[in-house]
Amino acid sequence: MRSSAALLLGSGCTCRRVRLTVPPVRLGNTGLRVSKLAFGTGTAGWEGHSDQTKIGARAFIRLMQQLYERGVNFIDAADIYGSHHLIKEALKIIPREKLVIMSKIWTAPVDWIPSASAAQTLDRFRRELGVDVIDLVLLHCASDGQWPEKLNVLREELYTAKMKGIVKAVGVSCHHLDALKAAARDPWTDVMLARINNKGIRMDGRPEEVMTVLRQAHENGKAILGMKIYGCGEIKLEEECESSLRWVLESGNVDSITIGVTTLEQAEQNIRRVNHYSRVV
């Protein structure tokens, strides 16, 4: 008697595992189209290191390639993560024009980031990434409602870079409710990166009040990116992770979310969740 496998082969069966893919979405009014899920490269990111950089260049590049093969074209980087040089190496395999790359300029003085103008910092970023254009550049970690005034010099320089085509869209990463409110009404801001989950963990206010601001910002044409969906890892149970992700995605106020992963297994788990709860645009 022939085995089941042999019978399948003999019948010409071409059964194979269907690869998971994540849906694309429009990113606000930026004109960019990104994956609903971004590859976050900054888990526990600080002083030029993160959980993603610590897995080593070979594993990082392989993971980025695997994510790209599954439709993840959105890469979330920042100066403080130290991931630029690894992304540069991955771009030797993945076509640059197929990816949307975001990075962030740290706005508070630290002794391990050289003091420089935004123009100088962008030139350094482009060298580190090996690219001519960075799709999205955010001011990193705005922590009060006066950030537009306090960071006006950086804003003006980024706007000039946008006009020159060096960057395609600009925005801010918010770490304070007043900073979110200021970004929501600020004409300069194309993109807002906000901490959001349904438990209020590591957020800038109660979930409902943060979501209200994001709704207003979205209605104003801002692109909204969500982070801390799992509360920096404090939301761990499967049902709680799914509940938070569902609440964020089904709100319709968040265009894309960034989650840091270090393995393909983690990434595919998130892709399944995103696919289940997304509204494909």
Protein backbone atom coordinates (compact mmCIF):
# COMPACT_ATOMS: atom_id res chain seq x y z
CA MET A 1 0.00 0.00 0.00
CA ARG A 2 1.33 3.43 -0.91
CA SER A 3 1.71 5.94 1.88
CA SER A 4 -0.55 8.99 2.14
CA ALA A 5 2.41 11.18 1.20
CA ALA A 6 3.12 9.08 -1.84
CA LEU A 7 -0.51 9.18 -2.90
CA LEU A 8 -0.49 12.96 -2.62
CA LEU A 9 2.69 13.21 -4.64
CA GLY A 10 1.40 10.77 -7.18
CA SER A 11 -1.76 12.78 -7.62
CA GLY A 12 0.22 15.85 -8.56
CA CYS A 13 -0.67 17.75 -5.38
CA THR A 14 1.19 21.04 -5.06
CA CYS A 15 0.06 21.67 -1.48
CA ARG A 16 2.35 24.03 0.41
CA ARG A 17 2.18 26.34 3.35
CA VAL A 18 0.64 29.70 2.47
CA ARG A 19 2.96 32.50 3.58
CA LEU A 20 1.47 35.12 5.86
CA THR A 21 1.40 38.65 4.49
CA VAL A 22 0.46 41.93 6.15
CA PRO A 23 -1.89 44.39 4.40
CA PRO A 24 -0.79 47.78 3.00
CA VAL A 25 -2.45 51.06 4.02
CA ARG A 26 -2.35 54.73 3.03
CA LEU A 27 -0.36 56.75 5.55
CA GLY A 28 -2.53 59.79 6.18
CA ASN A 29 -1.95 62.54 3.63
CA THR A 30 1.75 61.78 3.16
CA GLY A 31 1.26 60.01 -0.16
CA LEU A 32 3.09 57.00 1.24
CA ARG A 33 1.72 53.47 1.31
CA VAL A 34 3.05 51.33 4.13
CA SER A 35 2.42 47.97 5.71
CA LYS A 36 -0.10 48.00 8.54
CA LEU A 37 2.68 46.59 10.72
CA ALA A 38 6.14 48.17 10.91
CA PHE A 39 9.37 46.43 11.88
CA GLY A 40 10.31 48.19 15.12
CA THR A 41 14.08 48.19 15.60
CA GLY A 42 14.14 49.95 18.96
CA THR A 43 12.93 47.60 21.71
CA ALA A 44 14.71 48.80 24.87
CA GLY A 45 16.60 51.16 22.55
CA TRP A 46 19.11 53.52 24.14
CA GLU A 47 22.73 54.64 23.65
CA GLY A 48 22.85 53.20 20.15
CA HIS A 49 21.67 49.69 21.05
CA SER A 50 18.39 47.80 21.15
CA ASP A 51 17.14 44.24 21.45
CA GLN A 52 17.10 44.12 17.65
CA THR A 53 20.71 45.23 17.20
CA LYS A 54 21.84 42.80 19.90
CA ILE A 55 20.79 39.77 17.85
CA GLY A 56 23.69 40.56 15.52
CA ALA A 57 24.00 41.74 11.94
CA ARG A 58 23.37 38.40 10.26
CA ALA A 59 20.20 37.64 12.25
CA PHE A 60 18.92 41.23 11.90
CA ILE A 61 19.36 41.24 8.12
CA ARG A 62 17.76 37.82 7.78
CA LEU A 63 14.78 38.88 9.93
CA MET A 64 14.31 42.09 7.95
CA GLN A 65 14.36 40.09 4.73
CA GLN A 66 11.83 37.58 6.10
CA LEU A 67 9.54 40.42 7.15
CA TYR A 68 9.85 42.04 3.72
CA GLU A 69 8.87 38.72 2.12
CA ARG A 70 5.74 38.85 4.28
CA GLY A 71 4.73 42.33 3.16
CA VAL A 72 6.34 44.38 5.94
CA ASN A 73 7.82 47.30 4.00
CA PHE A 74 7.84 49.83 6.85
CA ILE A 75 11.05 50.12 8.90
CA ASP A 76 11.02 52.03 12.19
CA ALA A 77 14.50 53.28 13.12
CA ALA A 78 15.97 56.07 15.26
CA ASP A 79 19.31 57.56 16.16
CA ILE A 80 19.18 56.19 19.70
CA TYR A 81 18.48 52.62 18.51
CA GLY A 82 21.72 52.21 16.56
CA SER A 83 19.99 50.28 13.78
CA HIS A 84 20.89 52.46 10.80
CA HIS A 85 24.01 50.53 9.79
CA LEU A 86 22.15 47.21 9.91
CA ILE A 87 19.36 48.55 7.72
CA LYS A 88 22.06 49.73 5.29
CA GLU A 89 23.37 46.19 5.03
CA ALA A 90 19.86 44.81 4.50
CA LEU A 91 19.38 47.26 1.64
CA LYS A 92 22.06 45.35 -0.26
CA ILE A 93 19.47 42.56 -0.51
CA ILE A 94 16.12 44.36 -0.39
CA PRO A 95 15.45 47.01 -3.09
CA ARG A 96 15.48 50.48 -1.51
CA GLU A 97 12.44 51.60 -3.51
CA LYS A 98 10.36 48.81 -1.98
CA LEU A 99 10.79 50.08 1.59
CA VAL A 100 9.49 53.02 3.61
CA ILE A 101 12.13 54.03 6.14
CA MET A 102 11.42 56.15 9.19
CA SER A 103 14.01 57.56 11.57
CA LYS A 104 13.97 60.00 14.44
CA ILE A 105 16.14 62.87 15.70
CA TRP A 106 16.64 62.79 19.48
CA THR A 107 15.79 66.25 20.79
CA ALA A 108 17.26 66.24 24.31
CA PRO A 109 21.00 66.73 24.88
CA VAL A 110 22.94 63.54 25.62
CA ASP A 111 26.70 63.12 25.63
CA TRP A 112 26.68 60.16 23.22
CA ILE A 113 24.95 61.95 20.32
CA PRO A 114 26.98 64.72 18.65
CA SER A 115 25.50 68.21 18.81
CA ALA A 116 24.50 69.20 15.28
CA SER A 117 21.88 70.97 13.21
CA ALA A 118 19.01 68.98 11.73
CA ALA A 119 20.62 69.34 8.29
CA GLN A 120 23.89 67.86 9.57
CA THR A 121 22.03 65.09 11.39
CA LEU A 122 20.08 64.19 8.26
CA ASP A 123 23.32 64.00 6.26
CA ARG A 124 24.70 61.61 8.88
CA PHE A 125 21.51 59.54 8.88
CA ARG A 126 21.65 59.23 5.09
CA ARG A 127 25.28 58.05 5.23
CA GLU A 128 24.50 55.57 7.97
CA LEU A 129 21.49 54.22 6.08
CA GLY A 130 23.14 54.40 2.66
CA VAL A 131 20.19 56.27 1.14
CA ASP A 132 19.60 59.59 -0.58
CA VAL A 133 16.08 60.09 0.79
CA ILE A 134 14.57 59.20 4.17
CA ASP A 135 10.83 58.73 3.85
CA LEU A 136 9.81 59.86 7.34
CA VAL A 137 11.78 61.84 9.92
CA LEU A 138 10.34 62.54 13.34
CA LEU A 139 11.41 64.70 16.24
CA HIS A 140 11.90 62.10 18.93
CA CYS A 141 10.19 62.20 22.33
CA ALA A 142 8.31 65.50 22.56
CA SER A 143 7.47 65.77 26.24
CA ASP A 144 5.36 68.91 26.65
CA GLY A 145 2.82 71.06 24.84
CA GLN A 146 5.39 73.72 23.97
CA TRP A 147 7.48 71.44 21.76
CA PRO A 148 6.52 73.29 18.52
CA GLU A 149 8.02 76.51 19.91
CA LYS A 150 10.96 74.91 21.73
CA LEU A 151 11.95 72.84 18.70
CA ASN A 152 11.16 75.45 16.08
CA VAL A 153 14.71 75.59 14.68
CA LEU A 154 14.69 71.84 14.08
CA ARG A 155 11.21 72.07 12.58
CA GLU A 156 12.27 74.75 10.13
CA GLU A 157 15.31 72.76 9.05
CA LEU A 158 13.24 69.62 8.56
CA TYR A 159 10.70 71.58 6.55
CA THR A 160 13.54 72.83 4.33
CA ALA A 161 14.75 69.25 3.89
CA LYS A 162 11.22 68.23 2.95
CA MET A 163 11.04 70.99 0.33
CA LYS A 164 14.38 69.77 -1.08
CA GLY A 165 13.11 66.20 -1.27
CA ILE A 166 15.61 64.89 1.28
CA VAL A 167 12.68 63.68 3.39
CA LYS A 168 9.12 63.00 2.28
CA ALA A 169 7.21 63.63 5.50
CA VAL A 170 7.95 65.03 8.96
CA GLY A 171 6.43 64.65 12.36
CA VAL A 172 6.87 63.94 16.02
CA SER A 173 7.07 61.09 18.52
CA CYS A 174 4.97 62.12 21.53
CA HIS A 175 5.51 61.24 25.18
CA HIS A 176 3.05 63.60 26.85
CA LEU A 177 -0.67 64.23 26.42
CA ASP A 178 -0.12 67.96 25.86
CA ALA A 179 2.49 67.10 23.21
CA LEU A 180 -0.09 64.95 21.45
CA LYS A 181 -2.68 67.71 21.57
CA ALA A 182 -0.18 70.22 20.15
CA ALA A 183 0.75 67.84 17.32
CA ALA A 184 -2.91 67.19 16.48
CA ARG A 185 -3.49 70.86 15.65
CA ASP A 186 -0.02 71.69 14.28
CA PRO A 187 0.04 72.31 10.46
CA TRP A 188 3.75 71.36 10.27
CA THR A 189 3.13 67.84 11.58
CA ASP A 190 2.47 65.20 8.91
CA VAL A 191 2.95 62.18 11.16
CA MET A 192 2.33 61.46 14.85
CA LEU A 193 3.80 58.48 16.68
CA ALA A 194 1.75 57.85 19.82
CA ARG A 195 1.78 55.42 22.73
CA ILE A 196 -1.54 53.61 22.69
CA ASN A 197 -3.02 50.46 24.24
CA ASN A 198 -6.29 49.65 25.97
CA LYS A 199 -4.79 49.36 29.46
CA GLY A 200 -3.08 52.75 29.72
CA ILE A 201 0.35 51.18 30.30
CA ARG A 202 3.32 53.44 29.49
CA MET A 203 0.94 55.96 27.94
CA ASP A 204 0.39 59.72 28.14
CA GLY A 205 -3.09 59.56 29.61
CA ARG A 206 -6.10 57.33 29.94
CA PRO A 207 -6.74 55.24 26.82
CA GLU A 208 -10.00 57.02 26.04
CA GLU A 209 -8.53 60.53 26.24
CA VAL A 210 -5.51 59.58 24.13
CA MET A 211 -7.76 57.96 21.54
CA THR A 212 -9.91 61.11 21.44
CA VAL A 213 -6.84 63.18 20.53
CA LEU A 214 -5.80 60.66 17.89
CA ARG A 215 -9.28 60.75 16.39
CA GLN A 216 -9.12 64.53 16.11
CA ALA A 217 -5.63 64.38 14.62
CA HIS A 218 -6.69 61.75 12.10
CA GLU A 219 -9.65 63.87 11.08
CA ASN A 220 -7.17 66.73 10.57
CA GLY A 221 -5.34 64.57 8.02
CA LYS A 222 -2.46 63.51 10.24
CA ALA A 223 -0.92 60.10 9.73
CA ILE A 224 -1.13 58.22 13.03
CA LEU A 225 1.36 55.55 14.04
CA GLY A 226 0.82 53.51 17.18
CA MET A 227 3.52 52.22 19.51
CA LYS A 228 3.55 50.47 22.91
CA ILE A 229 0.58 48.36 21.79
CA TYR A 230 1.65 45.72 24.29
CA GLY A 231 2.77 48.25 26.91
CA CYS A 232 6.52 47.65 26.50
CA GLY A 233 5.96 43.94 27.05
CA GLU A 234 3.83 44.36 30.18
CA ILE A 235 0.78 43.09 28.29
CA LYS A 236 1.73 39.43 27.87
CA LEU A 237 -1.26 37.10 27.92
CA GLU A 238 -2.46 36.19 24.45
CA GLU A 239 -6.02 37.34 25.04
CA GLU A 240 -4.80 40.66 26.46
CA CYS A 241 -2.44 41.24 23.52
CA GLU A 242 -5.25 40.53 21.09
CA SER A 243 -7.66 42.74 23.01
CA SER A 244 -5.26 45.70 22.92
CA LEU A 245 -4.41 45.25 19.26
CA ARG A 246 -8.07 44.88 18.35
CA TRP A 247 -9.00 48.04 20.26
CA VAL A 248 -6.27 50.04 18.51
CA LEU A 249 -6.87 48.78 14.98
CA GLU A 250 -10.65 48.72 15.02
CA SER A 251 -10.72 52.34 16.23
CA GLY A 252 -9.94 53.43 12.67
CA ASN A 253 -7.73 56.18 14.11
CA VAL A 254 -4.36 54.47 13.78
CA ASP A 255 -2.93 53.91 10.30
CA SER A 256 -0.04 51.61 11.17
CA ILE A 257 1.57 50.18 14.27
CA THR A 258 5.21 49.52 15.12
CA ILE A 259 6.15 46.48 17.17
CA GLY A 260 9.68 45.34 17.90
CA VAL A 261 10.44 41.67 17.28
CA THR A 262 13.62 39.62 17.31
CA THR A 263 12.35 36.38 15.75
CA LEU A 264 10.23 35.37 12.80
CA GLU A 265 7.90 33.49 15.15
CA GLN A 266 7.11 36.73 17.01
CA ALA A 267 6.62 38.58 13.73
CA GLU A 268 4.22 36.00 12.30
CA GLN A 269 2.19 36.01 15.49
CA ASN A 270 1.74 39.77 15.12
CA ILE A 271 0.94 39.45 11.41
CA ARG A 272 -1.83 36.98 12.22
CA ARG A 273 -3.26 39.35 14.81
CA VAL A 274 -3.05 42.37 12.50
CA ASN A 275 -4.67 40.50 9.64
CA HIS A 276 -7.51 39.41 11.88
CA TYR A 277 -8.38 42.88 13.14
CA SER A 278 -7.34 45.25 10.36
CA ARG A 279 -9.53 47.32 8.14
CA VAL A 280 -7.70 47.08 4.82
CA VAL A 281 -7.59 50.52 3.13
